[in-house]
């Protein structure tokens, strides 16, 4: 049986968990994480969520990492993490713009260096479809996964 090529294999380095942009988490995703942690939604939001306009973002710690990232262990809410995290590196920008893809490939050691842009897009769209991540999203979702217009 032939093994299917993968454009990405997570190295648990956390590079995608660092930065000030923040991870958008819908109310549904927040509830799933709260349930996973055994918390009620209001307590979860007070501890882990920050609102900017009409979007909710997972907080970062003082060093700029996602509050749920633990160095050497990875995501502490992995089974319940938001779709945005599940989709990395197959974000809209990386799938639509080759220079964004090239920057992501330099930044993320999990992206196969032998995968060219066209193959990355093909495998990325397939991954998103197979995992139900590239469909139209709720109004409180971010735009990184709005992929309905990608080939």
N, C-alpha and C. Protein backbone atom coordinates (compact mmCIF):
# COMPACT_ATOMS: atom_id res chain seq x y z
N UNK A 1 0.84 -1.18 0.00
CA UNK A 1 0.00 0.00 0.00
C UNK A 1 0.89 1.25 0.00
N UNK A 2 0.60 2.19 -0.90
CA UNK A 2 1.41 3.39 -1.06
C UNK A 2 1.04 4.41 0.04
N UNK A 3 2.07 4.97 0.66
CA UNK A 3 1.84 5.98 1.70
C UNK A 3 1.55 7.33 1.05
N UNK A 4 0.53 8.02 1.54
CA UNK A 4 0.17 9.34 1.03
C UNK A 4 1.16 10.37 1.54
N UNK A 5 1.63 11.22 0.63
CA UNK A 5 2.57 12.28 1.00
C UNK A 5 1.85 13.31 1.87
N UNK A 6 2.57 13.84 2.82
CA UNK A 6 2.04 14.89 3.68
C UNK A 6 2.90 16.13 3.52
N UNK A 7 2.27 17.27 3.39
CA UNK A 7 3.00 18.53 3.26
C UNK A 7 3.41 19.06 4.63
N UNK A 8 2.84 18.49 5.69
CA UNK A 8 3.10 19.02 7.02
C UNK A 8 3.02 17.90 8.06
N UNK A 9 4.01 17.88 8.94
CA UNK A 9 4.01 16.99 10.10
C UNK A 9 4.46 17.84 11.29
N UNK A 10 3.59 18.03 12.25
CA UNK A 10 3.87 18.90 13.39
C UNK A 10 5.09 18.41 14.16
N UNK A 11 5.97 19.36 14.50
CA UNK A 11 7.18 19.07 15.27
C UNK A 11 7.05 19.49 16.73
N UNK A 12 5.87 20.00 17.11
CA UNK A 12 5.58 20.47 18.47
C UNK A 12 6.59 21.53 18.93
N UNK A 13 7.02 22.36 17.99
CA UNK A 13 8.00 23.41 18.31
C UNK A 13 7.33 24.65 18.90
N UNK A 14 6.05 24.85 18.60
CA UNK A 14 5.32 25.98 19.13
C UNK A 14 5.48 27.27 18.35
N UNK A 15 6.22 27.25 17.26
CA UNK A 15 6.40 28.47 16.49
C UNK A 15 5.06 29.07 16.07
N UNK A 16 4.09 28.25 15.76
CA UNK A 16 2.77 28.74 15.36
C UNK A 16 1.94 29.20 16.56
N UNK A 17 2.45 28.96 17.76
CA UNK A 17 1.74 29.34 18.99
C UNK A 17 2.26 30.64 19.57
N UNK A 18 3.15 31.28 18.85
CA UNK A 18 3.77 32.49 19.36
C UNK A 18 3.42 33.68 18.47
N UNK A 19 3.21 34.81 19.09
CA UNK A 19 2.95 36.03 18.33
C UNK A 19 1.76 36.78 18.87
N UNK A 20 1.66 38.02 18.46
CA UNK A 20 0.63 38.89 19.02
C UNK A 20 -0.70 38.84 18.28
N UNK A 21 -0.75 38.19 17.13
CA UNK A 21 -1.99 38.15 16.36
C UNK A 21 -3.13 37.50 17.11
N UNK A 22 -2.84 36.45 17.79
CA UNK A 22 -3.85 35.76 18.58
C UNK A 22 -4.64 34.76 17.77
N UNK A 23 -5.20 33.81 18.47
CA UNK A 23 -6.03 32.78 17.87
C UNK A 23 -7.48 33.12 18.14
N UNK A 24 -8.25 33.27 17.08
CA UNK A 24 -9.68 33.51 17.22
C UNK A 24 -10.33 32.20 17.66
N UNK A 25 -11.19 32.29 18.67
CA UNK A 25 -11.92 31.11 19.15
C UNK A 25 -13.40 31.47 19.20
N UNK A 26 -14.19 30.75 18.43
CA UNK A 26 -15.63 30.99 18.43
C UNK A 26 -16.22 30.60 19.79
N UNK A 27 -17.43 31.01 20.04
CA UNK A 27 -18.09 30.63 21.29
C UNK A 27 -18.19 29.11 21.41
N UNK A 28 -18.47 28.44 20.31
CA UNK A 28 -18.54 26.98 20.31
C UNK A 28 -17.20 26.36 20.69
N UNK A 29 -16.12 26.92 20.14
CA UNK A 29 -14.79 26.41 20.46
C UNK A 29 -14.41 26.70 21.91
N UNK A 30 -14.79 27.86 22.40
CA UNK A 30 -14.52 28.19 23.80
C UNK A 30 -15.24 27.22 24.72
N UNK A 31 -16.48 26.90 24.39
CA UNK A 31 -17.24 25.96 25.21
C UNK A 31 -16.58 24.59 25.21
N UNK A 32 -16.09 24.16 24.03
CA UNK A 32 -15.42 22.86 23.95
C UNK A 32 -14.16 22.84 24.82
N UNK A 33 -13.39 23.93 24.79
CA UNK A 33 -12.18 23.99 25.62
C UNK A 33 -12.53 24.06 27.10
N UNK A 34 -13.55 24.84 27.43
CA UNK A 34 -14.00 24.94 28.83
C UNK A 34 -14.43 23.56 29.34
N UNK A 35 -15.21 22.85 28.54
CA UNK A 35 -15.64 21.50 28.92
C UNK A 35 -14.43 20.59 29.13
N UNK A 36 -13.47 20.67 28.22
CA UNK A 36 -12.27 19.84 28.31
C UNK A 36 -11.52 20.12 29.62
N UNK A 37 -11.50 21.38 30.02
CA UNK A 37 -10.80 21.77 31.25
C UNK A 37 -11.66 21.64 32.50
N UNK A 38 -12.94 21.24 32.32
CA UNK A 38 -13.84 21.10 33.45
C UNK A 38 -14.26 22.43 34.05
N UNK A 39 -14.40 23.44 33.19
CA UNK A 39 -14.74 24.78 33.65
C UNK A 39 -16.08 25.21 33.06
N UNK A 40 -16.69 26.22 33.70
CA UNK A 40 -17.86 26.83 33.07
C UNK A 40 -17.35 27.89 32.10
N UNK A 41 -18.15 28.26 31.14
CA UNK A 41 -17.73 29.17 30.08
C UNK A 41 -17.32 30.54 30.60
N UNK A 42 -18.02 31.06 31.59
CA UNK A 42 -17.67 32.40 32.08
C UNK A 42 -16.30 32.39 32.77
N UNK A 43 -16.01 31.37 33.54
CA UNK A 43 -14.70 31.25 34.18
C UNK A 43 -13.59 31.07 33.15
N UNK A 44 -13.88 30.27 32.12
CA UNK A 44 -12.92 30.07 31.04
C UNK A 44 -12.60 31.39 30.35
N UNK A 45 -13.66 32.14 30.04
CA UNK A 45 -13.46 33.41 29.34
C UNK A 45 -12.68 34.41 30.19
N UNK A 46 -12.96 34.45 31.48
CA UNK A 46 -12.24 35.38 32.36
C UNK A 46 -10.74 35.05 32.39
N UNK A 47 -10.40 33.77 32.38
CA UNK A 47 -9.00 33.36 32.50
C UNK A 47 -8.25 33.36 31.18
N UNK A 48 -8.92 32.95 30.10
CA UNK A 48 -8.20 32.61 28.89
C UNK A 48 -8.57 33.40 27.63
N UNK A 49 -9.59 34.23 27.70
CA UNK A 49 -10.09 34.86 26.48
C UNK A 49 -10.05 36.38 26.60
N UNK A 50 -9.78 37.01 25.49
CA UNK A 50 -9.80 38.47 25.41
C UNK A 50 -10.66 38.82 24.19
N UNK A 51 -11.51 39.80 24.34
CA UNK A 51 -12.38 40.21 23.24
C UNK A 51 -11.80 41.44 22.56
N UNK A 52 -11.79 41.39 21.22
CA UNK A 52 -11.38 42.53 20.39
C UNK A 52 -12.48 42.72 19.35
N UNK A 53 -13.25 43.77 19.50
CA UNK A 53 -14.37 43.98 18.59
C UNK A 53 -15.39 42.86 18.74
N UNK A 54 -15.74 42.22 17.63
CA UNK A 54 -16.72 41.14 17.68
C UNK A 54 -16.07 39.75 17.70
N UNK A 55 -14.76 39.71 17.91
CA UNK A 55 -14.03 38.43 17.93
C UNK A 55 -13.47 38.16 19.32
N UNK A 56 -13.33 36.88 19.62
CA UNK A 56 -12.73 36.42 20.87
C UNK A 56 -11.40 35.76 20.55
N UNK A 57 -10.37 36.13 21.31
CA UNK A 57 -9.03 35.60 21.09
C UNK A 57 -8.53 34.90 22.33
N UNK A 58 -7.79 33.81 22.12
CA UNK A 58 -7.12 33.14 23.22
C UNK A 58 -5.95 34.03 23.66
N UNK A 59 -5.83 34.23 24.95
CA UNK A 59 -4.78 35.10 25.48
C UNK A 59 -3.39 34.50 25.25
N UNK A 60 -2.40 35.37 25.24
CA UNK A 60 -0.99 34.97 25.24
C UNK A 60 -0.44 35.16 26.64
N UNK A 61 0.62 34.43 26.95
CA UNK A 61 1.29 34.65 28.24
C UNK A 61 2.23 35.84 28.12
N UNK A 62 2.95 36.16 29.17
CA UNK A 62 3.83 37.33 29.18
C UNK A 62 4.98 37.25 28.18
N UNK A 63 5.31 36.05 27.73
CA UNK A 63 6.38 35.87 26.75
C UNK A 63 5.85 35.87 25.31
N UNK A 64 4.54 36.05 25.15
CA UNK A 64 3.96 36.11 23.81
C UNK A 64 3.51 34.79 23.23
N UNK A 65 3.53 33.74 24.02
CA UNK A 65 3.08 32.42 23.57
C UNK A 65 1.61 32.24 23.92
N UNK A 66 0.91 31.43 23.15
CA UNK A 66 -0.46 31.06 23.50
C UNK A 66 -0.45 30.53 24.94
N UNK A 67 -1.42 30.94 25.69
CA UNK A 67 -1.49 30.56 27.10
C UNK A 67 -1.59 29.04 27.29
N UNK A 68 -2.00 28.33 26.25
CA UNK A 68 -2.13 26.87 26.34
C UNK A 68 -0.90 26.11 25.85
N UNK A 69 0.12 26.82 25.37
CA UNK A 69 1.32 26.13 24.89
C UNK A 69 2.29 25.88 26.04
N UNK A 70 2.77 24.65 26.12
CA UNK A 70 3.72 24.25 27.15
C UNK A 70 4.97 23.74 26.43
N UNK A 71 6.09 24.45 26.58
CA UNK A 71 7.33 24.08 25.90
C UNK A 71 7.70 22.64 26.22
N UNK A 72 8.00 21.90 25.18
CA UNK A 72 8.38 20.49 25.33
C UNK A 72 7.21 19.53 25.36
N UNK A 73 6.02 20.04 25.61
CA UNK A 73 4.83 19.18 25.66
C UNK A 73 3.82 19.52 24.58
N UNK A 74 3.77 20.78 24.19
CA UNK A 74 2.82 21.20 23.15
C UNK A 74 1.57 21.81 23.75
N UNK A 75 0.48 21.64 23.04
CA UNK A 75 -0.79 22.25 23.40
C UNK A 75 -1.45 21.50 24.55
N UNK A 76 -1.75 22.22 25.62
CA UNK A 76 -2.35 21.57 26.79
C UNK A 76 -3.85 21.35 26.63
N UNK A 77 -4.44 21.90 25.56
CA UNK A 77 -5.86 21.64 25.26
C UNK A 77 -5.99 20.98 23.88
N UNK A 78 -4.95 20.26 23.47
CA UNK A 78 -4.87 19.70 22.13
C UNK A 78 -6.16 19.02 21.64
N UNK A 79 -6.77 18.13 22.42
CA UNK A 79 -7.99 17.47 21.93
C UNK A 79 -9.16 18.43 21.68
N UNK A 80 -9.11 19.62 22.27
CA UNK A 80 -10.22 20.57 22.16
C UNK A 80 -9.81 21.89 21.51
N UNK A 81 -8.62 21.94 20.94
CA UNK A 81 -8.11 23.22 20.42
C UNK A 81 -8.96 23.76 19.27
N UNK A 82 -8.91 25.09 19.06
CA UNK A 82 -9.71 25.72 18.01
C UNK A 82 -9.35 25.22 16.60
N UNK A 83 -10.29 25.39 15.68
CA UNK A 83 -10.08 24.98 14.29
C UNK A 83 -8.88 25.66 13.67
N UNK A 84 -8.64 26.91 14.02
CA UNK A 84 -7.49 27.63 13.47
C UNK A 84 -6.21 26.86 13.78
N UNK A 85 -6.08 26.40 14.99
CA UNK A 85 -4.90 25.64 15.39
C UNK A 85 -4.85 24.29 14.67
N UNK A 86 -6.00 23.67 14.51
CA UNK A 86 -6.07 22.38 13.82
C UNK A 86 -5.67 22.50 12.36
N UNK A 87 -5.90 23.66 11.79
CA UNK A 87 -5.67 23.86 10.36
C UNK A 87 -4.23 24.24 10.01
N UNK A 88 -3.46 24.76 10.98
CA UNK A 88 -2.10 25.21 10.65
C UNK A 88 -1.34 24.11 9.93
N UNK A 89 -0.61 24.42 8.88
CA UNK A 89 -0.27 25.70 8.27
C UNK A 89 -1.15 26.05 7.06
N UNK A 90 -2.27 25.36 6.95
CA UNK A 90 -3.11 25.51 5.77
C UNK A 90 -4.10 26.67 5.93
N UNK A 91 -3.54 27.85 6.17
CA UNK A 91 -4.33 29.08 6.29
C UNK A 91 -4.55 29.68 4.91
N UNK A 92 -5.58 30.48 4.83
CA UNK A 92 -5.95 31.16 3.59
C UNK A 92 -4.74 31.84 2.92
N UNK A 93 -4.01 32.64 3.68
CA UNK A 93 -2.87 33.35 3.11
C UNK A 93 -1.82 32.42 2.54
N UNK A 94 -1.51 31.35 3.26
CA UNK A 94 -0.50 30.39 2.81
C UNK A 94 -0.96 29.60 1.59
N UNK A 95 -2.27 29.46 1.42
CA UNK A 95 -2.80 28.71 0.28
C UNK A 95 -3.04 29.59 -0.94
N UNK A 96 -3.11 30.89 -0.74
CA UNK A 96 -3.41 31.79 -1.86
C UNK A 96 -2.21 32.58 -2.34
N UNK A 97 -1.18 32.69 -1.52
CA UNK A 97 -0.05 33.55 -1.85
C UNK A 97 1.25 32.78 -1.67
N UNK A 98 1.98 32.60 -2.75
CA UNK A 98 3.20 31.80 -2.69
C UNK A 98 4.25 32.40 -1.76
N UNK A 99 4.35 33.72 -1.68
CA UNK A 99 5.34 34.32 -0.79
C UNK A 99 4.97 34.06 0.68
N UNK A 100 3.69 34.05 1.01
CA UNK A 100 3.26 33.70 2.38
C UNK A 100 3.60 32.25 2.69
N UNK A 101 3.37 31.38 1.71
CA UNK A 101 3.75 29.96 1.86
C UNK A 101 5.25 29.84 2.11
N UNK A 102 6.07 30.56 1.34
CA UNK A 102 7.53 30.49 1.50
C UNK A 102 7.94 30.96 2.89
N UNK A 103 7.33 32.03 3.39
CA UNK A 103 7.66 32.51 4.74
C UNK A 103 7.26 31.47 5.78
N UNK A 104 6.08 30.87 5.62
CA UNK A 104 5.64 29.85 6.58
C UNK A 104 6.59 28.66 6.56
N UNK A 105 7.04 28.28 5.37
CA UNK A 105 7.94 27.13 5.25
C UNK A 105 9.28 27.42 5.94
N UNK A 106 9.77 28.65 5.86
CA UNK A 106 11.01 29.02 6.55
C UNK A 106 10.83 29.03 8.06
N UNK A 107 9.65 29.42 8.50
CA UNK A 107 9.32 29.61 9.91
C UNK A 107 8.96 28.30 10.61
N UNK A 108 8.33 27.40 9.88
CA UNK A 108 7.77 26.18 10.48
C UNK A 108 8.55 24.95 10.03
N UNK A 109 9.25 24.28 10.96
CA UNK A 109 10.01 23.09 10.59
C UNK A 109 9.15 21.88 10.22
N UNK A 110 7.85 21.97 10.44
CA UNK A 110 6.96 20.86 10.11
C UNK A 110 6.51 20.83 8.66
N UNK A 111 6.70 21.94 7.94
CA UNK A 111 6.33 21.97 6.53
C UNK A 111 7.45 21.31 5.73
N UNK A 112 7.09 20.33 4.93
CA UNK A 112 8.05 19.58 4.13
C UNK A 112 8.79 20.52 3.18
N UNK A 113 10.12 20.63 3.31
CA UNK A 113 10.87 21.55 2.46
C UNK A 113 10.85 21.14 0.98
N UNK A 114 10.50 19.90 0.69
CA UNK A 114 10.45 19.42 -0.70
C UNK A 114 9.08 19.62 -1.34
N UNK A 115 8.12 20.14 -0.59
CA UNK A 115 6.78 20.38 -1.13
C UNK A 115 6.76 21.75 -1.80
N UNK A 116 6.40 21.77 -3.09
CA UNK A 116 6.30 23.06 -3.76
C UNK A 116 4.92 23.68 -3.49
N UNK A 117 4.75 24.91 -3.91
CA UNK A 117 3.52 25.65 -3.60
C UNK A 117 2.27 24.96 -4.13
N UNK A 118 2.30 24.51 -5.39
CA UNK A 118 1.11 23.88 -5.98
C UNK A 118 0.72 22.62 -5.21
N UNK A 119 1.71 21.82 -4.84
CA UNK A 119 1.43 20.61 -4.08
C UNK A 119 0.92 20.94 -2.68
N UNK A 120 1.51 21.97 -2.07
CA UNK A 120 1.07 22.41 -0.74
C UNK A 120 -0.40 22.82 -0.78
N UNK A 121 -0.79 23.58 -1.80
CA UNK A 121 -2.18 24.02 -1.94
C UNK A 121 -3.08 22.80 -2.12
N UNK A 122 -2.70 21.90 -3.01
CA UNK A 122 -3.52 20.70 -3.27
C UNK A 122 -3.70 19.87 -2.00
N UNK A 123 -2.59 19.58 -1.33
CA UNK A 123 -2.66 18.77 -0.11
C UNK A 123 -3.34 19.52 1.03
N UNK A 124 -3.13 20.84 1.09
CA UNK A 124 -3.75 21.65 2.14
C UNK A 124 -5.26 21.71 2.00
N UNK A 125 -5.74 21.97 0.79
CA UNK A 125 -7.19 22.01 0.57
C UNK A 125 -7.81 20.64 0.87
N UNK A 126 -7.12 19.59 0.46
CA UNK A 126 -7.61 18.23 0.75
C UNK A 126 -7.69 17.99 2.26
N UNK A 127 -6.65 18.39 2.99
CA UNK A 127 -6.63 18.24 4.44
C UNK A 127 -7.79 19.00 5.09
N UNK A 128 -7.98 20.25 4.69
CA UNK A 128 -9.06 21.06 5.25
C UNK A 128 -10.43 20.44 4.98
N UNK A 129 -10.63 19.94 3.77
CA UNK A 129 -11.90 19.31 3.41
C UNK A 129 -12.13 18.03 4.21
N UNK A 130 -11.10 17.19 4.29
CA UNK A 130 -11.22 15.92 5.01
C UNK A 130 -11.49 16.11 6.50
N UNK A 131 -11.03 17.23 7.05
CA UNK A 131 -11.19 17.49 8.48
C UNK A 131 -12.28 18.51 8.79
N UNK A 132 -13.05 18.89 7.78
CA UNK A 132 -14.16 19.83 7.98
C UNK A 132 -13.71 21.20 8.45
N UNK A 133 -12.53 21.63 8.00
CA UNK A 133 -11.97 22.89 8.49
C UNK A 133 -12.08 24.02 7.47
N UNK A 134 -12.33 23.74 6.23
CA UNK A 134 -12.32 24.77 5.21
C UNK A 134 -13.70 25.23 4.78
N UNK A 135 -14.70 24.83 5.51
CA UNK A 135 -16.06 25.21 5.15
C UNK A 135 -16.39 26.61 5.64
N UNK A 136 -17.52 27.12 5.23
CA UNK A 136 -17.94 28.44 5.72
C UNK A 136 -18.12 28.36 7.24
N UNK A 137 -17.76 29.43 7.89
CA UNK A 137 -17.69 29.43 9.35
C UNK A 137 -18.72 30.36 9.97
N UNK A 138 -18.84 30.28 11.28
CA UNK A 138 -19.72 31.16 12.03
C UNK A 138 -19.26 32.60 11.91
N UNK A 139 -20.13 33.54 12.20
CA UNK A 139 -19.79 34.96 12.12
C UNK A 139 -18.67 35.36 13.08
N UNK A 140 -18.53 34.63 14.20
CA UNK A 140 -17.50 35.01 15.16
C UNK A 140 -16.17 34.29 14.91
N UNK A 141 -16.04 33.63 13.75
CA UNK A 141 -14.79 32.96 13.40
C UNK A 141 -13.85 33.94 12.72
N UNK A 142 -12.57 33.60 12.72
CA UNK A 142 -11.58 34.41 12.02
C UNK A 142 -11.63 34.14 10.53
N UNK A 143 -10.82 34.86 9.79
CA UNK A 143 -10.81 34.72 8.33
C UNK A 143 -9.77 33.75 7.82
N UNK A 144 -8.88 33.26 8.66
CA UNK A 144 -7.79 32.39 8.22
C UNK A 144 -8.29 31.12 7.54
N UNK A 145 -9.49 30.68 7.90
CA UNK A 145 -10.01 29.43 7.34
C UNK A 145 -11.08 29.64 6.28
N UNK A 146 -11.32 30.85 5.90
CA UNK A 146 -12.30 31.11 4.83
C UNK A 146 -11.66 30.75 3.51
N UNK A 147 -11.91 29.52 3.09
CA UNK A 147 -11.21 28.98 1.93
C UNK A 147 -12.14 28.57 0.79
N UNK A 148 -13.38 28.98 0.83
CA UNK A 148 -14.34 28.53 -0.18
C UNK A 148 -13.97 28.98 -1.59
N UNK A 149 -13.14 30.00 -1.71
CA UNK A 149 -12.77 30.49 -3.05
C UNK A 149 -11.39 30.02 -3.50
N UNK A 150 -10.81 29.06 -2.78
CA UNK A 150 -9.50 28.52 -3.15
C UNK A 150 -9.72 27.28 -4.00
N UNK A 151 -8.94 27.15 -5.05
CA UNK A 151 -9.07 26.05 -6.02
C UNK A 151 -9.29 24.71 -5.39
